[in-house]
Amino acid sequence: MEKSELEQLQQRLNLFEAIADNASAVIGAKDLDGRYLYVNQEYSRLFHQEKQSFCGKTDHELFPQDIATAFRQADLEVIEKNKVITVEEKAPVDGKIRDYLSIKFPISDSEGNLFATGLVATDITERKEAEQEILRLSRLDHLTQVANRSRLEQRLEEAIEKAQANKQLIGVAIIDLDEFKPVNDTYGHHIGDSVLRLMAERLVNSCRSSDTVARIGGDEFVVVLEDIKSMEEAISSIQRSIETLNNTYRIESQAINLSASAGIAFYPQHGSEIIPLLKTADTALYRAKKLGRNQLQVA
């Protein structure tokens, strides 16, 4: 005896629910007004509510208003375009905002009439965090963990755009240690690397949080000073950095005495583009070396 259509339908519904409830993804469906028709067990587990308690409610009754509004806008896009969309969304889970990759799709009846929207979402928080960490590391000097050349150029470009808009000064200083090469020759590169790490730490500590410290090669560092009121303010800041760098470097059992020299250029006085500013600061550094080291020269 063949099963009735009703029995077959119930069997299909039971099959769907069994699959959906054992899926690790968040699965749900809403009517065209945004009221929930169905959520799976993962949805229920994440938000600590019984599955049935979602039915008839809208996102605005369940989630913070900004998040609910974003959910609704995506649903409306599905309804308007009557096609599948993929969006990144955020949702509050156990007091933390997590990232989800959501596939939202139209659901139609047997006659092709749209009556609901569906959702399948997977948690991509860890992937997003890993991507951010990779991006962060790609902008850092691997040895000293300050900005690398690529990040320096980006920060300097941003600083110039801001300074142009606000008619502000920017100081660009290049600093290096005097006679650093003999350190590597005498004590070995591992000691030299430790000196560079300590040098970077001292530079960061001597600068403001708004300044950018970058290593562009060897013992050569760049400091970008934004939001300065005068050239004198920037010069005083770099002079303090030089004094900090002149302190003894105690590495393992070694006490190494080094001095530092610097050259500084200013936007807009010495250029309005990255390369000319860096070249002008480098020329001033060369002059500081030629005049006896352990000093700052202004372009």
C-alpha atoms as a PDB file:
ATOM      1  CA  MET A   1       0.000   0.000   0.000  1.00  0.00           C
ATOM      2  CA  GLU A   2       1.431   3.285  -1.075  1.00  0.00           C
ATOM      3  CA  LYS A   3       1.994   6.022   1.464  1.00  0.00           C
ATOM      4  CA  SER A   4      -0.327   8.979   1.288  1.00  0.00           C
ATOM      5  CA  GLU A   5       0.971  12.321   0.046  1.00  0.00           C
ATOM      6  CA  LEU A   6       0.695  13.643   3.576  1.00  0.00           C
ATOM      7  CA  GLU A   7       2.831  10.807   4.928  1.00  0.00           C
ATOM      8  CA  GLN A   8       5.400  11.349   2.205  1.00  0.00           C
ATOM      9  CA  LEU A   9       5.512  15.048   2.960  1.00  0.00           C
ATOM     10  CA  GLN A  10       5.952  14.354   6.670  1.00  0.00           C
ATOM     11  CA  GLN A  11       8.740  11.910   5.894  1.00  0.00           C
ATOM     12  CA  ARG A  12      10.530  14.517   3.793  1.00  0.00           C
ATOM     13  CA  LEU A  13      10.107  17.106   6.550  1.00  0.00           C
ATOM     14  CA  ASN A  14      11.520  14.685   9.121  1.00  0.00           C
ATOM     15  CA  LEU A  15      14.458  13.962   6.828  1.00  0.00           C
ATOM     16  CA  PHE A  16      15.170  17.652   6.304  1.00  0.00           C
ATOM     17  CA  GLU A  17      14.978  18.390  10.024  1.00  0.00           C
ATOM     18  CA  ALA A  18      17.273  15.505  10.897  1.00  0.00           C
ATOM     19  CA  ILE A  19      19.876  16.748   8.432  1.00  0.00           C
ATOM     20  CA  ALA A  20      19.519  20.397   9.454  1.00  0.00           C
ATOM     21  CA  ASP A  21      19.649  19.676  13.185  1.00  0.00           C
ATOM     22  CA  ASN A  22      22.890  17.715  12.810  1.00  0.00           C
ATOM     23  CA  ALA A  23      24.578  20.362  10.679  1.00  0.00           C
ATOM     24  CA  SER A  24      27.265  22.571  12.200  1.00  0.00           C
ATOM     25  CA  ALA A  25      25.987  25.550  10.193  1.00  0.00           C
ATOM     26  CA  VAL A  26      23.272  27.939  11.341  1.00  0.00           C
ATOM     27  CA  ILE A  27      20.121  27.286   9.299  1.00  0.00           C
ATOM     28  CA  GLY A  28      16.893  29.263   9.364  1.00  0.00           C
ATOM     29  CA  ALA A  29      13.936  30.507   7.370  1.00  0.00           C
ATOM     30  CA  LYS A  30      11.744  33.626   7.658  1.00  0.00           C
ATOM     31  CA  ASP A  31       8.550  34.788   6.005  1.00  0.00           C
ATOM     32  CA  LEU A  32       8.534  37.866   3.815  1.00  0.00           C
ATOM     33  CA  ASP A  33       7.859  40.094   6.831  1.00  0.00           C
ATOM     34  CA  GLY A  34      10.972  38.788   8.548  1.00  0.00           C
ATOM     35  CA  ARG A  35       9.252  36.489  11.061  1.00  0.00           C
ATOM     36  CA  TYR A  36      11.024  33.215  11.755  1.00  0.00           C
ATOM     37  CA  LEU A  37       9.416  30.091  10.372  1.00  0.00           C
ATOM     38  CA  TYR A  38      12.196  27.686  11.311  1.00  0.00           C
ATOM     39  CA  VAL A  39      15.627  27.490  12.943  1.00  0.00           C
ATOM     40  CA  ASN A  40      17.816  24.428  13.346  1.00  0.00           C
ATOM     41  CA  GLN A  41      19.386  23.062  16.507  1.00  0.00           C
ATOM     42  CA  GLU A  42      22.646  24.990  15.985  1.00  0.00           C
ATOM     43  CA  TYR A  43      20.702  28.252  15.866  1.00  0.00           C
ATOM     44  CA  SER A  44      18.971  27.267  19.082  1.00  0.00           C
ATOM     45  CA  ARG A  45      22.229  26.243  20.759  1.00  0.00           C
ATOM     46  CA  LEU A  46      24.124  29.415  19.881  1.00  0.00           C
ATOM     47  CA  PHE A  47      21.483  31.774  21.184  1.00  0.00           C
ATOM     48  CA  HIS A  48      20.340  29.644  24.117  1.00  0.00           C
ATOM     49  CA  GLN A  49      16.676  29.542  23.147  1.00  0.00           C
ATOM     50  CA  GLU A  50      14.340  26.707  22.285  1.00  0.00           C
ATOM     51  CA  LYS A  51      13.776  26.327  18.571  1.00  0.00           C
ATOM     52  CA  GLN A  52      10.064  26.956  18.923  1.00  0.00           C
ATOM     53  CA  SER A  53      10.662  30.265  20.742  1.00  0.00           C
ATOM     54  CA  PHE A  54      12.078  31.798  17.534  1.00  0.00           C
ATOM     55  CA  CYS A  55       8.957  31.149  15.491  1.00  0.00           C
ATOM     56  CA  GLY A  56       6.896  34.248  14.807  1.00  0.00           C
ATOM     57  CA  LYS A  57       9.563  36.620  16.059  1.00  0.00           C
ATOM     58  CA  THR A  58      11.655  39.028  14.006  1.00  0.00           C
ATOM     59  CA  ASP A  59      15.372  39.756  14.303  1.00  0.00           C
ATOM     60  CA  HIS A  60      14.518  43.070  15.919  1.00  0.00           C
ATOM     61  CA  GLU A  61      12.931  41.150  18.801  1.00  0.00           C
ATOM     62  CA  LEU A  62      15.924  38.866  19.193  1.00  0.00           C
ATOM     63  CA  PHE A  63      19.098  40.808  18.472  1.00  0.00           C
ATOM     64  CA  PRO A  64      20.626  44.275  18.998  1.00  0.00           C
ATOM     65  CA  GLN A  65      18.974  46.754  16.662  1.00  0.00           C
ATOM     66  CA  ASP A  66      22.010  47.487  14.465  1.00  0.00           C
ATOM     67  CA  ILE A  67      22.608  43.782  13.868  1.00  0.00           C
ATOM     68  CA  ALA A  68      18.903  43.109  13.292  1.00  0.00           C
ATOM     69  CA  THR A  69      18.747  45.940  10.752  1.00  0.00           C
ATOM     70  CA  ALA A  70      21.686  44.464   8.828  1.00  0.00           C
ATOM     71  CA  PHE A  71      19.980  41.040   8.814  1.00  0.00           C
ATOM     72  CA  ARG A  72      16.756  42.564   7.501  1.00  0.00           C
ATOM     73  CA  GLN A  73      18.496  44.557   4.765  1.00  0.00           C
ATOM     74  CA  ALA A  74      20.097  41.375   3.439  1.00  0.00           C
ATOM     75  CA  ASP A  75      16.751  39.547   3.539  1.00  0.00           C
ATOM     76  CA  LEU A  76      15.089  42.404   1.645  1.00  0.00           C
ATOM     77  CA  GLU A  77      17.782  42.184  -1.038  1.00  0.00           C
ATOM     78  CA  VAL A  78      16.966  38.495  -1.492  1.00  0.00           C
ATOM     79  CA  ILE A  79      13.262  39.322  -1.751  1.00  0.00           C
ATOM     80  CA  GLU A  80      13.789  42.211  -4.177  1.00  0.00           C
ATOM     81  CA  LYS A  81      16.204  40.373  -6.475  1.00  0.00           C
ATOM     82  CA  ASN A  82      14.709  36.905  -5.937  1.00  0.00           C
ATOM     83  CA  LYS A  83      18.155  35.351  -6.034  1.00  0.00           C
ATOM     84  CA  VAL A  84      20.849  33.897  -3.778  1.00  0.00           C
ATOM     85  CA  ILE A  85      23.269  36.328  -2.113  1.00  0.00           C
ATOM     86  CA  THR A  86      26.345  35.781   0.035  1.00  0.00           C
ATOM     87  CA  VAL A  87      27.130  38.288   2.768  1.00  0.00           C
ATOM     88  CA  GLU A  88      29.383  38.586   5.793  1.00  0.00           C
ATOM     89  CA  GLU A  89      27.363  39.290   8.918  1.00  0.00           C
ATOM     90  CA  LYS A  90      27.999  39.706  12.623  1.00  0.00           C
ATOM     91  CA  ALA A  91      26.051  38.145  15.475  1.00  0.00           C
ATOM     92  CA  PRO A  92      26.349  38.281  19.273  1.00  0.00           C
ATOM     93  CA  VAL A  93      27.264  34.879  20.716  1.00  0.00           C
ATOM     94  CA  ASP A  94      27.900  34.470  24.444  1.00  0.00           C
ATOM     95  CA  GLY A  95      28.656  38.148  24.889  1.00  0.00           C
ATOM     96  CA  LYS A  96      31.055  38.385  21.934  1.00  0.00           C
ATOM     97  CA  ILE A  97      30.485  39.525  18.364  1.00  0.00           C
ATOM     98  CA  ARG A  98      31.339  36.776  15.917  1.00  0.00           C
ATOM     99  CA  ASP A  99      31.645  36.841  12.125  1.00  0.00           C
ATOM    100  CA  TYR A 100      29.508  34.678   9.852  1.00  0.00           C
ATOM    101  CA  LEU A 101      29.500  33.966   6.142  1.00  0.00           C
ATOM    102  CA  SER A 102      25.810  33.815   5.279  1.00  0.00           C
ATOM    103  CA  ILE A 103      24.177  32.360   2.186  1.00  0.00           C
ATOM    104  CA  LYS A 104      20.662  33.794   1.893  1.00  0.00           C
ATOM    105  CA  PHE A 105      18.240  32.500  -0.685  1.00  0.00           C
ATOM    106  CA  PRO A 106      14.620  32.797  -1.843  1.00  0.00           C
ATOM    107  CA  ILE A 107      12.124  30.017  -1.093  1.00  0.00           C
ATOM    108  CA  SER A 108       9.161  29.608  -3.447  1.00  0.00           C
ATOM    109  CA  ASP A 109       6.089  27.393  -3.459  1.00  0.00           C
ATOM    110  CA  SER A 110       5.240  24.823  -6.134  1.00  0.00           C
ATOM    111  CA  GLU A 111       3.793  27.553  -8.340  1.00  0.00           C
ATOM    112  CA  GLY A 112       6.939  29.692  -8.131  1.00  0.00           C
ATOM    113  CA  ASN A 113       5.581  32.257  -5.709  1.00  0.00           C
ATOM    114  CA  LEU A 114       8.177  33.585  -3.275  1.00  0.00           C
ATOM    115  CA  PHE A 115       6.997  33.126   0.307  1.00  0.00           C
ATOM    116  CA  ALA A 116      10.144  32.964   2.469  1.00  0.00           C
ATOM    117  CA  THR A 117      13.889  33.529   2.690  1.00  0.00           C
ATOM    118  CA  GLY A 118      16.374  30.936   3.834  1.00  0.00           C
ATOM    119  CA  LEU A 119      19.701  31.214   5.600  1.00  0.00           C
ATOM    120  CA  VAL A 120      22.749  28.986   5.914  1.00  0.00           C
ATOM    121  CA  ALA A 121      25.581  30.625   7.881  1.00  0.00           C
ATOM    122  CA  THR A 122      28.990  29.402   8.995  1.00  0.00           C
ATOM    123  CA  ASP A 123      31.229  30.912  11.657  1.00  0.00           C
ATOM    124  CA  ILE A 124      34.326  32.489  10.059  1.00  0.00           C
ATOM    125  CA  THR A 125      35.579  34.354  13.142  1.00  0.00           C
ATOM    126  CA  GLU A 126      38.818  32.380  13.480  1.00  0.00           C
ATOM    127  CA  ARG A 127      39.524  32.731   9.758  1.00  0.00           C
ATOM    128  CA  LYS A 128      38.964  36.483   9.913  1.00  0.00           C
ATOM    129  CA  GLU A 129      41.219  36.792  12.955  1.00  0.00           C
ATOM    130  CA  ALA A 130      43.917  34.764  11.198  1.00  0.00           C
ATOM    131  CA  GLU A 131      43.643  36.990   8.125  1.00  0.00           C
ATOM    132  CA  GLN A 132      43.995  40.080  10.299  1.00  0.00           C
ATOM    133  CA  GLU A 133      47.038  38.622  12.017  1.00  0.00           C
ATOM    134  CA  ILE A 134      48.649  37.764   8.679  1.00  0.00           C
ATOM    135  CA  LEU A 135      47.956  41.301   7.483  1.00  0.00           C
ATOM    136  CA  ARG A 136      49.383  42.759  10.697  1.00  0.00           C
ATOM    137  CA  LEU A 137      52.547  40.669  10.426  1.00  0.00           C
ATOM    138  CA  SER A 138      52.959  41.584   6.758  1.00  0.00           C
ATOM    139  CA  ARG A 139      53.266  45.226   7.844  1.00  0.00           C
ATOM    140  CA  LEU A 140      55.856  44.621  10.555  1.00  0.00           C
ATOM    141  CA  ASP A 141      59.607  44.269  10.437  1.00  0.00           C
ATOM    142  CA  HIS A 142      60.227  40.637  11.367  1.00  0.00           C
ATOM    143  CA  LEU A 143      63.160  41.404  13.680  1.00  0.00           C
ATOM    144  CA  THR A 144      62.017  44.439  15.636  1.00  0.00           C
ATOM    145  CA  GLN A 145      58.215  44.278  15.251  1.00  0.00           C
ATOM    146  CA  VAL A 146      57.978  47.957  14.306  1.00  0.00           C
ATOM    147  CA  ALA A 147      56.549  48.993  10.935  1.00  0.00           C
ATOM    148  CA  ASN A 148      58.368  47.794   7.813  1.00  0.00           C
ATOM    149  CA  ARG A 149      59.028  49.869   4.691  1.00  0.00           C
ATOM    150  CA  SER A 150      55.686  48.989   3.119  1.00  0.00           C
ATOM    151  CA  ARG A 151      53.765  50.039   6.209  1.00  0.00           C
ATOM    152  CA  LEU A 152      55.913  53.171   6.548  1.00  0.00           C
ATOM    153  CA  GLU A 153      55.047  54.299   3.036  1.00  0.00           C
ATOM    154  CA  GLN A 154      51.355  53.678   3.679  1.00  0.00           C
ATOM    155  CA  ARG A 155      51.406  55.596   6.969  1.00  0.00           C
ATOM    156  CA  LEU A 156      53.390  58.461   5.447  1.00  0.00           C
ATOM    157  CA  GLU A 157      50.991  58.700   2.517  1.00  0.00           C
ATOM    158  CA  GLU A 158      48.057  58.846   4.952  1.00  0.00           C
ATOM    159  CA  ALA A 159      49.874  61.476   7.032  1.00  0.00           C
ATOM    160  CA  ILE A 160      50.537  63.660   3.979  1.00  0.00           C
ATOM    161  CA  GLU A 161      46.877  63.499   2.903  1.00  0.00           C
ATOM    162  CA  LYS A 162      45.784  64.475   6.404  1.00  0.00           C
ATOM    163  CA  ALA A 163      48.358  67.255   6.636  1.00  0.00           C
ATOM    164  CA  GLN A 164      47.307  68.656   3.264  1.00  0.00           C
ATOM    165  CA  ALA A 165      43.675  68.773   4.376  1.00  0.00           C
ATOM    166  CA  ASN A 166      44.453  70.360   7.750  1.00  0.00           C
ATOM    167  CA  LYS A 167      47.452  72.480   6.719  1.00  0.00           C
ATOM    168  CA  GLN A 168      49.735  70.759   9.229  1.00  0.00           C
ATOM    169  CA  LEU A 169      53.427  69.944   9.489  1.00  0.00           C
ATOM    170  CA  ILE A 170      54.973  66.484   9.334  1.00  0.00           C
ATOM    171  CA  GLY A 171      58.451  65.621  10.511  1.00  0.00           C
ATOM    172  CA  VAL A 172      60.302  62.737   8.842  1.00  0.00           C
ATOM    173  CA  ALA A 173      63.465  61.668  10.647  1.00  0.00           C
ATOM    174  CA  ILE A 174      65.946  58.959   9.692  1.00  0.00           C
ATOM    175  CA  ILE A 175      67.991  57.644  12.612  1.00  0.00           C
ATOM    176  CA  ASP A 176      70.755  55.094  12.798  1.00  0.00           C
ATOM    177  CA  LEU A 177      73.481  53.989  15.187  1.00  0.00           C
ATOM    178  CA  ASP A 178      77.026  55.257  14.754  1.00  0.00           C
ATOM    179  CA  GLU A 179      79.544  52.507  14.018  1.00  0.00           C
ATOM    180  CA  PHE A 180      77.036  49.669  14.254  1.00  0.00           C
ATOM    181  CA  LYS A 181      78.888  47.346  11.860  1.00  0.00           C
ATOM    182  CA  PRO A 182      81.722  46.588  14.332  1.00  0.00           C
ATOM    183  CA  VAL A 183      79.089  45.269  16.769  1.00  0.00           C
ATOM    184  CA  ASN A 184      78.234  42.438  14.379  1.00  0.00           C
ATOM    185  CA  ASP A 185      81.906  41.873  13.563  1.00  0.00           C
ATOM    186  CA  THR A 186      82.993  41.778  17.213  1.00  0.00           C
ATOM    187  CA  TYR A 187      80.096  40.122  19.038  1.00  0.00           C
ATOM    188  CA  GLY A 188      78.238  38.269  16.298  1.00  0.00           C
ATOM    189  CA  HIS A 189      74.977  38.882  14.489  1.00  0.00           C
ATOM    190  CA  HIS A 190      72.800  37.515  17.291  1.00  0.00           C
ATOM    191  CA  ILE A 191      74.110  40.279  19.579  1.00  0.00           C
ATOM    192  CA  GLY A 192      73.662  42.800  16.776  1.00  0.00           C
ATOM    193  CA  ASP A 193      70.058  41.685  16.332  1.00  0.00           C
ATOM    194  CA  SER A 194      69.438  42.114  20.056  1.00  0.00           C
ATOM    195  CA  VAL A 195      70.856  45.642  19.864  1.00  0.00           C
ATOM    196  CA  LEU A 196      68.450  46.446  17.021  1.00  0.00           C
ATOM    197  CA  ARG A 197      65.492  45.075  18.956  1.00  0.00           C
ATOM    198  CA  LEU A 198      66.464  47.185  21.972  1.00  0.00           C
ATOM    199  CA  MET A 199      66.996  50.200  19.730  1.00  0.00           C
ATOM    200  CA  ALA A 200      63.491  49.801  18.300  1.00  0.00           C
ATOM    201  CA  GLU A 201      62.027  49.466  21.782  1.00  0.00           C
ATOM    202  CA  ARG A 202      63.776  52.634  22.942  1.00  0.00           C
ATOM    203  CA  LEU A 203      62.606  54.539  19.889  1.00  0.00           C
ATOM    204  CA  VAL A 204      58.994  53.488  20.373  1.00  0.00           C
ATOM    205  CA  ASN A 205      59.119  54.413  24.062  1.00  0.00           C
ATOM    206  CA  SER A 206      60.630  57.823  23.306  1.00  0.00           C
ATOM    207  CA  CYS A 207      57.971  58.693  20.717  1.00  0.00           C
ATOM    208  CA  ARG A 208      54.320  59.606  21.038  1.00  0.00           C
ATOM    209  CA  SER A 209      51.659  57.002  20.305  1.00  0.00           C
ATOM    210  CA  SER A 210      50.654  59.047  17.237  1.00  0.00           C
ATOM    211  CA  ASP A 211      54.174  58.781  15.754  1.00  0.00           C
ATOM    212  CA  THR A 212      55.180  55.980  13.409  1.00  0.00           C
ATOM    213  CA  VAL A 213      58.440  54.115  13.988  1.00  0.00           C
ATOM    214  CA  ALA A 214      59.688  51.946  11.120  1.00  0.00           C
ATOM    215  CA  ARG A 215      62.823  49.989  10.270  1.00  0.00           C
ATOM    216  CA  ILE A 216      63.852  50.283   6.639  1.00  0.00           C
ATOM    217  CA  GLY A 217      67.058  48.237   6.715  1.00  0.00           C
ATOM    218  CA  GLY A 218      70.082  47.411   8.862  1.00  0.00           C
ATOM    219  CA  ASP A 219      70.180  49.829  11.778  1.00  0.00           C
ATOM    220  CA  GLU A 220      68.295  52.511   9.857  1.00  0.00           C
ATOM    221  CA  PHE A 221      64.965  53.598  11.336  1.00  0.00           C
ATOM    222  CA  VAL A 222      62.433  56.237  10.333  1.00  0.00           C
ATOM    223  CA  VAL A 223      60.200  58.235  12.655  1.00  0.00           C
ATOM    224  CA  VAL A 224      57.188  60.048  11.220  1.00  0.00           C
ATOM    225  CA  LEU A 225      55.915  62.801  13.508  1.00  0.00           C
ATOM    226  CA  GLU A 226      52.351  63.920  12.842  1.00  0.00           C
ATOM    227  CA  ASP A 227      50.222  66.657  14.396  1.00  0.00           C
ATOM    228  CA  ILE A 228      53.221  68.793  15.339  1.00  0.00           C
ATOM    229  CA  LYS A 229      52.777  72.481  16.060  1.00  0.00           C
ATOM    230  CA  SER A 230      56.251  73.539  14.935  1.00  0.00           C
ATOM    231  CA  MET A 231      59.519  72.290  13.509  1.00  0.00           C
ATOM    232  CA  GLU A 232      61.105  72.969  16.903  1.00  0.00           C
ATOM    233  CA  GLU A 233      58.711  70.527  18.559  1.00  0.00           C
ATOM    234  CA  ALA A 234      59.737  67.743  16.183  1.00  0.00           C
ATOM    235  CA  ILE A 235      63.449  68.559  16.524  1.00  0.00           C
ATOM    236  CA  SER A 236      63.200  68.390  20.318  1.00  0.00           C
ATOM    237  CA  SER A 237      61.422  65.048  20.088  1.00  0.00           C
ATOM    238  CA  ILE A 238      64.101  63.489  17.867  1.00  0.00           C
ATOM    239  CA  GLN A 239      66.863  64.887  20.047  1.00  0.00           C
ATOM    240  CA  ARG A 240      65.273  63.134  23.029  1.00  0.00           C
ATOM    241  CA  SER A 241      65.191  59.918  21.005  1.00  0.00           C
ATOM    242  CA  ILE A 242      68.900  60.256  20.228  1.00  0.00           C
ATOM    243  CA  GLU A 243      69.670  60.724  23.924  1.00  0.00           C
ATOM    244  CA  THR A 244      67.681  57.570  24.710  1.00  0.00           C
ATOM    245  CA  LEU A 245      69.542  55.601  22.060  1.00  0.00           C
ATOM    246  CA  ASN A 246      72.906  56.735  23.443  1.00  0.00           C
ATOM    247  CA  ASN A 247      72.435  54.730  26.656  1.00  0.00           C
ATOM    248  CA  THR A 248      74.505  51.557  27.084  1.00  0.00           C
ATOM    249  CA  TYR A 249      73.142  48.444  25.372  1.00  0.00           C
ATOM    250  CA  ARG A 250      73.404  45.566  27.830  1.00  0.00           C
ATOM    251  CA  ILE A 251      73.033  42.342  25.892  1.00  0.00           C
ATOM    252  CA  GLU A 252      73.741  39.039  27.627  1.00  0.00           C
ATOM    253  CA  SER A 253      77.108  39.660  29.315  1.00  0.00           C
ATOM    254  CA  GLN A 254      78.089  42.498  27.003  1.00  0.00           C
ATOM    255  CA  ALA A 255      77.857  46.242  27.716  1.00  0.00           C
ATOM    256  CA  ILE A 256      77.977  48.016  24.370  1.00  0.00           C
ATOM    257  CA  ASN A 257      78.246  51.798  24.140  1.00  0.00           C
ATOM    258  CA  LEU A 258      76.830  53.336  20.980  1.00  0.00           C
ATOM    259  CA  SER A 259      75.677  56.747  19.849  1.00  0.00           C
ATOM    260  CA  ALA A 260      73.060  57.673  17.263  1.00  0.00           C
ATOM    261  CA  SER A 261      72.740  60.240  14.495  1.00  0.00           C
ATOM    262  CA  ALA A 262      69.672  61.568  12.725  1.00  0.00           C
ATOM    263  CA  GLY A 263      68.513  63.740   9.867  1.00  0.00           C
ATOM    264  CA  ILE A 264      65.086  65.313   9.674  1.00  0.00           C
ATOM    265  CA  ALA A 265      63.009  66.792   6.871  1.00  0.00           C
ATOM    266  CA  PHE A 266      59.593  68.431   6.966  1.00  0.00           C
ATOM    267  CA  TYR A 267      56.419  68.416   4.958  1.00  0.00           C
ATOM    268  CA  PRO A 268      55.678  70.701   3.158  1.00  0.00           C
ATOM    269  CA  GLN A 269      58.957  72.638   3.392  1.00  0.00           C
ATOM    270  CA  HIS A 270      61.119  69.858   1.952  1.00  0.00           C
ATOM    271  CA  GLY A 271      58.646  68.079  -0.288  1.00  0.00           C
ATOM    272  CA  SER A 272      55.095  66.836  -0.602  1.00  0.00           C
ATOM    273  CA  GLU A 273      55.818  63.261  -1.675  1.00  0.00           C
ATOM    274  CA  ILE A 274      57.251  60.250   0.154  1.00  0.00           C
ATOM    275  CA  ILE A 275      60.487  59.641  -1.760  1.00  0.00           C
ATOM    276  CA  PRO A 276      61.715  63.276  -1.796  1.00  0.00           C
ATOM    277  CA  LEU A 277      61.043  63.599   1.942  1.00  0.00           C
ATOM    278  CA  LEU A 278      62.948  60.413   2.749  1.00  0.00           C
ATOM    279  CA  LYS A 279      65.842  61.369   0.454  1.00  0.00           C
ATOM    280  CA  THR A 280      66.079  64.827   2.022  1.00  0.00           C
ATOM    281  CA  ALA A 281      66.091  63.347   5.542  1.00  0.00           C
ATOM    282  CA  ASP A 282      68.754  60.843   4.461  1.00  0.00           C
ATOM    283  CA  THR A 283      70.935  63.665   3.100  1.00  0.00           C
ATOM    284  CA  ALA A 284      70.631  65.432   6.462  1.00  0.00           C
ATOM    285  CA  LEU A 285      71.635  62.175   8.219  1.00  0.00           C
ATOM    286  CA  TYR A 286      74.684  61.876   5.999  1.00  0.00           C
ATOM    287  CA  ARG A 287      75.661  65.402   6.953  1.00  0.00           C
ATOM    288  CA  ALA A 288      75.305  64.538  10.646  1.00  0.00           C
ATOM    289  CA  LYS A 289      77.682  61.609  10.154  1.00  0.00           C
ATOM    290  CA  LYS A 290      80.159  63.749   8.253  1.00  0.00           C
ATOM    291  CA  LEU A 291      80.146  66.418  10.966  1.00  0.00           C
ATOM    292  CA  GLY A 292      81.162  63.979  13.680  1.00  0.00           C
ATOM    293  CA  ARG A 293      78.138  61.774  14.455  1.00  0.00           C
ATOM    294  CA  ASN A 294      76.015  61.712  17.637  1.00  0.00           C
ATOM    295  CA  GLN A 295      73.849  64.597  16.491  1.00  0.00           C
ATOM    296  CA  LEU A 296      70.761  65.695  14.587  1.00  0.00           C
ATOM    297  CA  GLN A 297      70.884  67.687  11.389  1.00  0.00           C
ATOM    298  CA  VAL A 298      67.913  69.476   9.872  1.00  0.00           C
ATOM    299  CA  ALA A 299      67.493  69.463   6.084  1.00  0.00           C
END
